[in-house]
Amino acid sequence: MNTNLQATREPDGQIRLEGPCWVTKKLYSVTVSEEAAVKYFWGDALAQNAFPDLSTGQREFLISGTSPEGWKQLFGDSVSEPEIADT
């Protein structure tokens, strides 16, 4: 779980989770519902279950701190965004 995130409530009630990618060092953010964020960060749901509307790359950022751009730098164009098995 990426614990280097700052949470900001957006005007529409959504939560913006922002932090540095550990590979690129660039800020990256993902916006999620408050309910989903609470479920995930309190350990009540896996990322793929808490955030089904996010791409696998966005979920990977919340899990490991690796942004989609960082993933591409690590693995190149031959490997797409990380695949996360549904469990």
N, C-alpha and C. Protein backbone atom coordinates (compact mmCIF):
# COMPACT_ATOMS: atom_id res chain seq x y z
N MET A 1 0.85 -1.17 0.00
CA MET A 1 0.00 0.00 0.00
C MET A 1 0.89 1.24 0.00
N ASN A 2 0.62 2.14 -0.92
CA ASN A 2 1.38 3.38 -1.03
C ASN A 2 0.96 4.32 0.10
N THR A 3 1.85 4.55 1.04
CA THR A 3 1.53 5.43 2.17
C THR A 3 2.10 6.83 2.01
N ASN A 4 2.67 7.13 0.86
CA ASN A 4 3.24 8.45 0.60
C ASN A 4 2.26 9.34 -0.17
N LEU A 5 0.99 9.27 0.19
CA LEU A 5 -0.04 10.01 -0.52
C LEU A 5 -0.63 11.10 0.35
N GLN A 6 -0.97 12.20 -0.28
CA GLN A 6 -1.70 13.26 0.39
C GLN A 6 -3.13 13.21 -0.13
N ALA A 7 -4.09 13.23 0.79
CA ALA A 7 -5.50 13.18 0.41
C ALA A 7 -6.10 14.58 0.48
N THR A 8 -6.80 14.96 -0.57
CA THR A 8 -7.47 16.26 -0.64
C THR A 8 -8.91 16.04 -1.07
N ARG A 9 -9.83 16.63 -0.31
CA ARG A 9 -11.25 16.53 -0.70
C ARG A 9 -11.53 17.54 -1.81
N GLU A 10 -12.07 17.04 -2.90
CA GLU A 10 -12.44 17.88 -4.04
C GLU A 10 -13.82 18.49 -3.78
N PRO A 11 -14.17 19.58 -4.48
CA PRO A 11 -15.48 20.22 -4.29
C PRO A 11 -16.66 19.27 -4.49
N ASP A 12 -16.49 18.25 -5.35
CA ASP A 12 -17.59 17.31 -5.60
C ASP A 12 -17.66 16.18 -4.58
N GLY A 13 -16.81 16.23 -3.53
CA GLY A 13 -16.83 15.20 -2.50
C GLY A 13 -15.87 14.05 -2.75
N GLN A 14 -15.30 13.98 -3.93
CA GLN A 14 -14.32 12.94 -4.25
C GLN A 14 -13.01 13.23 -3.50
N ILE A 15 -12.16 12.24 -3.39
CA ILE A 15 -10.87 12.37 -2.73
C ILE A 15 -9.77 12.26 -3.77
N ARG A 16 -8.90 13.28 -3.83
CA ARG A 16 -7.75 13.21 -4.72
C ARG A 16 -6.56 12.72 -3.91
N LEU A 17 -5.98 11.61 -4.34
CA LEU A 17 -4.81 11.02 -3.69
C LEU A 17 -3.60 11.32 -4.56
N GLU A 18 -2.65 12.06 -4.01
CA GLU A 18 -1.51 12.53 -4.81
C GLU A 18 -0.21 12.25 -4.08
N GLY A 19 0.78 11.86 -4.86
CA GLY A 19 2.10 11.63 -4.29
C GLY A 19 3.10 11.41 -5.40
N PRO A 20 4.37 11.31 -5.02
CA PRO A 20 5.40 11.11 -6.03
C PRO A 20 5.46 9.65 -6.49
N CYS A 21 5.70 9.47 -7.77
CA CYS A 21 6.00 8.13 -8.30
C CYS A 21 7.41 7.81 -7.84
N TRP A 22 7.64 6.64 -7.32
CA TRP A 22 8.98 6.31 -6.81
C TRP A 22 9.99 6.13 -7.93
N VAL A 23 9.53 5.95 -9.17
CA VAL A 23 10.44 5.79 -10.30
C VAL A 23 10.76 7.15 -10.93
N THR A 24 9.71 7.89 -11.32
CA THR A 24 9.91 9.16 -12.04
C THR A 24 10.14 10.34 -11.11
N LYS A 25 9.73 10.20 -9.86
CA LYS A 25 9.76 11.27 -8.87
C LYS A 25 8.76 12.40 -9.19
N LYS A 26 7.94 12.22 -10.22
CA LYS A 26 6.92 13.21 -10.58
C LYS A 26 5.66 12.96 -9.76
N LEU A 27 4.95 14.06 -9.46
CA LEU A 27 3.67 13.91 -8.77
C LEU A 27 2.66 13.26 -9.70
N TYR A 28 1.86 12.37 -9.12
CA TYR A 28 0.80 11.69 -9.86
C TYR A 28 -0.41 11.67 -8.93
N SER A 29 -1.60 11.77 -9.49
CA SER A 29 -2.78 11.74 -8.64
C SER A 29 -3.88 10.89 -9.25
N VAL A 30 -4.72 10.40 -8.37
CA VAL A 30 -5.88 9.60 -8.73
C VAL A 30 -7.04 10.13 -7.88
N THR A 31 -8.21 10.24 -8.48
CA THR A 31 -9.39 10.71 -7.75
C THR A 31 -10.36 9.55 -7.58
N VAL A 32 -10.80 9.36 -6.32
CA VAL A 32 -11.67 8.23 -5.98
C VAL A 32 -12.76 8.72 -5.03
N SER A 33 -13.75 7.88 -4.83
CA SER A 33 -14.79 8.22 -3.86
C SER A 33 -14.24 8.05 -2.44
N GLU A 34 -14.80 8.82 -1.52
CA GLU A 34 -14.37 8.71 -0.12
C GLU A 34 -14.63 7.30 0.41
N GLU A 35 -15.78 6.74 0.06
CA GLU A 35 -16.14 5.40 0.52
C GLU A 35 -15.11 4.37 0.06
N ALA A 36 -14.70 4.45 -1.20
CA ALA A 36 -13.72 3.50 -1.73
C ALA A 36 -12.37 3.67 -1.04
N ALA A 37 -11.96 4.93 -0.83
CA ALA A 37 -10.67 5.19 -0.17
C ALA A 37 -10.66 4.61 1.24
N VAL A 38 -11.74 4.82 1.97
CA VAL A 38 -11.82 4.30 3.34
C VAL A 38 -11.75 2.77 3.34
N LYS A 39 -12.50 2.13 2.45
CA LYS A 39 -12.48 0.66 2.38
C LYS A 39 -11.07 0.14 2.11
N TYR A 40 -10.38 0.77 1.15
CA TYR A 40 -9.05 0.30 0.78
C TYR A 40 -8.02 0.57 1.88
N PHE A 41 -7.94 1.80 2.36
CA PHE A 41 -6.89 2.14 3.31
C PHE A 41 -7.14 1.59 4.71
N TRP A 42 -8.35 1.20 5.03
CA TRP A 42 -8.62 0.53 6.30
C TRP A 42 -8.50 -0.98 6.17
N GLY A 43 -8.16 -1.45 4.96
CA GLY A 43 -7.94 -2.86 4.76
C GLY A 43 -9.20 -3.69 4.58
N ASP A 44 -10.31 -3.04 4.28
CA ASP A 44 -11.57 -3.77 4.11
C ASP A 44 -11.79 -4.26 2.68
N ALA A 45 -10.93 -3.84 1.73
CA ALA A 45 -11.10 -4.26 0.34
C ALA A 45 -9.77 -4.19 -0.39
N LEU A 46 -9.57 -5.12 -1.31
CA LEU A 46 -8.41 -5.06 -2.19
C LEU A 46 -8.59 -3.92 -3.18
N ALA A 47 -7.50 -3.42 -3.73
CA ALA A 47 -7.56 -2.28 -4.65
C ALA A 47 -8.51 -2.55 -5.81
N GLN A 48 -8.43 -3.74 -6.41
CA GLN A 48 -9.28 -4.01 -7.57
C GLN A 48 -10.76 -4.07 -7.20
N ASN A 49 -11.07 -4.38 -5.95
CA ASN A 49 -12.46 -4.40 -5.50
C ASN A 49 -12.92 -3.02 -5.04
N ALA A 50 -12.04 -2.26 -4.40
CA ALA A 50 -12.39 -0.92 -3.92
C ALA A 50 -12.50 0.08 -5.06
N PHE A 51 -11.65 -0.11 -6.10
CA PHE A 51 -11.57 0.86 -7.19
C PHE A 51 -11.78 0.19 -8.56
N PRO A 52 -12.92 -0.43 -8.80
CA PRO A 52 -13.11 -1.14 -10.07
C PRO A 52 -13.12 -0.22 -11.30
N ASP A 53 -13.39 1.07 -11.11
CA ASP A 53 -13.44 1.99 -12.24
C ASP A 53 -12.08 2.55 -12.62
N LEU A 54 -11.06 2.33 -11.81
CA LEU A 54 -9.72 2.81 -12.13
C LEU A 54 -9.03 1.83 -13.06
N SER A 55 -8.09 2.35 -13.83
CA SER A 55 -7.28 1.46 -14.67
C SER A 55 -6.32 0.67 -13.77
N THR A 56 -5.77 -0.40 -14.31
CA THR A 56 -4.81 -1.18 -13.52
C THR A 56 -3.59 -0.32 -13.16
N GLY A 57 -3.20 0.59 -14.04
CA GLY A 57 -2.07 1.47 -13.76
C GLY A 57 -2.36 2.43 -12.62
N GLN A 58 -3.58 2.95 -12.57
CA GLN A 58 -3.96 3.84 -11.47
C GLN A 58 -4.00 3.07 -10.15
N ARG A 59 -4.53 1.86 -10.19
CA ARG A 59 -4.56 1.04 -8.97
C ARG A 59 -3.14 0.69 -8.54
N GLU A 60 -2.27 0.38 -9.50
CA GLU A 60 -0.88 0.05 -9.15
C GLU A 60 -0.21 1.22 -8.44
N PHE A 61 -0.52 2.44 -8.85
CA PHE A 61 0.04 3.59 -8.15
C PHE A 61 -0.40 3.61 -6.69
N LEU A 62 -1.67 3.31 -6.43
CA LEU A 62 -2.15 3.28 -5.05
C LEU A 62 -1.54 2.14 -4.26
N ILE A 63 -1.20 1.07 -4.93
CA ILE A 63 -0.61 -0.10 -4.26
C ILE A 63 0.88 0.11 -4.02
N SER A 64 1.62 0.45 -5.06
CA SER A 64 3.09 0.44 -4.96
C SER A 64 3.77 1.79 -5.10
N GLY A 65 3.03 2.80 -5.53
CA GLY A 65 3.65 4.10 -5.74
C GLY A 65 4.29 4.25 -7.11
N THR A 66 4.01 3.31 -8.03
CA THR A 66 4.54 3.36 -9.38
C THR A 66 3.45 3.88 -10.32
N SER A 67 3.69 5.04 -10.93
CA SER A 67 2.72 5.61 -11.86
C SER A 67 2.77 4.85 -13.19
N PRO A 68 1.77 5.03 -14.03
CA PRO A 68 1.83 4.39 -15.36
C PRO A 68 3.10 4.78 -16.13
N GLU A 69 3.53 6.03 -16.03
CA GLU A 69 4.77 6.46 -16.69
C GLU A 69 5.98 5.74 -16.10
N GLY A 70 5.99 5.58 -14.79
CA GLY A 70 7.09 4.86 -14.14
C GLY A 70 7.11 3.40 -14.53
N TRP A 71 5.93 2.81 -14.65
CA TRP A 71 5.82 1.41 -15.08
C TRP A 71 6.43 1.25 -16.47
N LYS A 72 6.12 2.22 -17.34
CA LYS A 72 6.64 2.18 -18.71
C LYS A 72 8.17 2.33 -18.71
N GLN A 73 8.70 3.19 -17.84
CA GLN A 73 10.15 3.36 -17.75
C GLN A 73 10.82 2.07 -17.27
N LEU A 74 10.19 1.40 -16.34
CA LEU A 74 10.77 0.17 -15.79
C LEU A 74 10.73 -0.98 -16.79
N PHE A 75 9.62 -1.11 -17.52
CA PHE A 75 9.40 -2.30 -18.33
C PHE A 75 9.28 -2.03 -19.83
N GLY A 76 9.32 -0.76 -20.24
CA GLY A 76 9.27 -0.43 -21.66
C GLY A 76 7.89 -0.59 -22.27
N ASP A 77 7.85 -0.40 -23.58
CA ASP A 77 6.59 -0.48 -24.31
C ASP A 77 6.10 -1.91 -24.50
N SER A 78 6.99 -2.87 -24.33
CA SER A 78 6.60 -4.26 -24.58
C SER A 78 5.67 -4.80 -23.49
N VAL A 79 5.64 -4.14 -22.35
CA VAL A 79 4.78 -4.58 -21.27
C VAL A 79 3.77 -3.48 -21.00
N SER A 80 2.48 -3.82 -21.03
CA SER A 80 1.44 -2.83 -20.77
C SER A 80 1.31 -2.62 -19.28
N GLU A 81 0.31 -1.85 -18.90
CA GLU A 81 0.05 -1.62 -17.48
C GLU A 81 -0.02 -2.94 -16.76
N PRO A 82 0.30 -2.95 -15.47
CA PRO A 82 0.29 -4.20 -14.72
C PRO A 82 -1.09 -4.86 -14.74
N GLU A 83 -1.08 -6.16 -14.83
CA GLU A 83 -2.33 -6.92 -14.76
C GLU A 83 -2.51 -7.36 -13.31
N ILE A 84 -3.66 -7.06 -12.75
CA ILE A 84 -3.96 -7.45 -11.38
C ILE A 84 -5.10 -8.45 -11.42
N ALA A 85 -4.86 -9.63 -10.89
CA ALA A 85 -5.86 -10.67 -10.91
C ALA A 85 -7.02 -10.32 -10.01
N ASP A 86 -8.23 -10.57 -10.45
CA ASP A 86 -9.40 -10.39 -9.62
C ASP A 86 -9.52 -11.55 -8.66
N THR A 87 -9.58 -11.21 -7.37
CA THR A 87 -9.74 -12.26 -6.35
C THR A 87 -10.79 -11.87 -5.37
